[in-house]
Amino acid sequence: MPRTRLSSKGQVIIPKAVRERHGWRPGAELDVEDAGNAVLLRPIPSFPRTTIEQVRGCLNYAGRRITLEEMDAAILAEASKRR
């Protein structure tokens, strides 16, 4: 089991193997829960939960139609900005 140490500033380094297993990158936000004799970390989702009613208005698109390849390229471009 990996070990870490609490710094004088109250910071803890999460071992690389744990970060990689969970896909946590620098800047990831985590909820911290005091669980008695343990501390539980949960990632905060990048996007808040939404309902279909909240996003229904975005379905009325009047611009030019784009291909699936263009959609995939746009998604990859935006995802790479968020890493």
Protein backbone atom coordinates (compact mmCIF):
# COMPACT_ATOMS: atom_id res chain seq x y z
CA MET A 1 0.00 0.00 0.00
CA PRO A 2 1.45 3.38 -0.98
CA ARG A 3 2.21 5.89 1.78
CA THR A 4 2.32 9.65 1.83
CA ARG A 5 3.01 12.39 4.35
CA LEU A 6 1.19 15.53 5.49
CA SER A 7 3.20 18.69 4.73
CA SER A 8 3.57 21.64 7.09
CA LYS A 9 0.96 23.41 4.90
CA GLY A 10 -1.55 20.58 5.41
CA GLN A 11 -1.06 19.21 1.89
CA VAL A 12 -1.02 15.53 0.98
CA ILE A 13 0.53 14.10 -2.19
CA ILE A 14 -1.62 11.37 -3.68
CA PRO A 15 0.72 8.68 -5.04
CA LYS A 16 1.04 8.60 -8.83
CA ALA A 17 -0.32 5.04 -9.14
CA VAL A 18 -3.52 6.07 -7.32
CA ARG A 19 -3.94 9.24 -9.41
CA GLU A 20 -3.47 7.28 -12.62
CA ARG A 21 -5.87 4.51 -11.57
CA HIS A 22 -8.59 7.12 -10.95
CA GLY A 23 -7.66 9.35 -13.90
CA TRP A 24 -7.05 12.36 -11.64
CA ARG A 25 -4.99 15.05 -13.36
CA PRO A 26 -3.54 18.28 -11.93
CA GLY A 27 -6.37 20.66 -11.12
CA ALA A 28 -8.90 17.87 -10.50
CA GLU A 29 -11.40 18.90 -7.82
CA LEU A 30 -12.20 16.41 -5.07
CA ASP A 31 -14.81 16.34 -2.34
CA VAL A 32 -13.26 15.49 1.04
CA GLU A 33 -15.33 13.51 3.53
CA ASP A 34 -14.30 12.85 7.12
CA ALA A 35 -15.16 9.20 7.68
CA GLY A 36 -14.13 8.88 11.32
CA ASN A 37 -10.75 7.17 11.24
CA ALA A 38 -10.37 7.72 7.46
CA VAL A 39 -10.70 10.42 4.82
CA LEU A 40 -12.65 9.74 1.64
CA LEU A 41 -11.91 11.61 -1.60
CA ARG A 42 -14.52 11.76 -4.37
CA PRO A 43 -13.99 13.49 -7.72
CA ILE A 44 -16.35 16.35 -8.47
CA PRO A 45 -17.87 15.82 -11.93
CA SER A 46 -16.73 18.30 -14.60
CA PHE A 47 -20.30 19.06 -15.55
CA PRO A 48 -23.30 19.38 -13.23
CA ARG A 49 -26.16 16.93 -13.69
CA THR A 50 -28.84 18.22 -16.02
CA THR A 51 -32.30 17.11 -17.06
CA ILE A 52 -33.65 16.85 -20.59
CA GLU A 53 -35.84 19.88 -19.86
CA GLN A 54 -32.74 21.96 -19.14
CA VAL A 55 -31.08 21.12 -22.47
CA ARG A 56 -34.11 20.78 -24.71
CA GLY A 57 -33.65 24.29 -26.13
CA CYS A 58 -30.30 23.42 -27.67
CA LEU A 59 -31.94 20.90 -30.04
CA ASN A 60 -33.26 23.62 -32.38
CA TYR A 61 -30.13 24.09 -34.48
CA ALA A 62 -30.51 26.33 -37.54
CA GLY A 63 -26.89 26.34 -38.80
CA ARG A 64 -25.33 24.23 -41.51
CA ARG A 65 -25.27 20.50 -40.97
CA ILE A 66 -21.90 19.08 -39.99
CA THR A 67 -20.55 15.59 -40.45
CA LEU A 68 -19.88 13.08 -37.70
CA GLU A 69 -16.17 13.50 -38.41
CA GLU A 70 -16.46 17.26 -37.78
CA MET A 71 -18.37 16.58 -34.53
CA ASP A 72 -15.72 14.09 -33.39
CA ALA A 73 -12.93 16.56 -34.18
CA ALA A 74 -14.68 19.34 -32.24
CA ILE A 75 -15.25 17.05 -29.24
CA LEU A 76 -11.60 15.96 -29.22
CA ALA A 77 -10.42 19.56 -29.50
CA GLU A 78 -12.53 20.68 -26.54
CA ALA A 79 -11.63 17.61 -24.45
CA SER A 80 -7.91 18.25 -25.00
CA LYS A 81 -8.36 21.81 -23.66
CA ARG A 82 -9.82 20.43 -20.41
CA ARG A 83 -6.95 18.08 -19.59
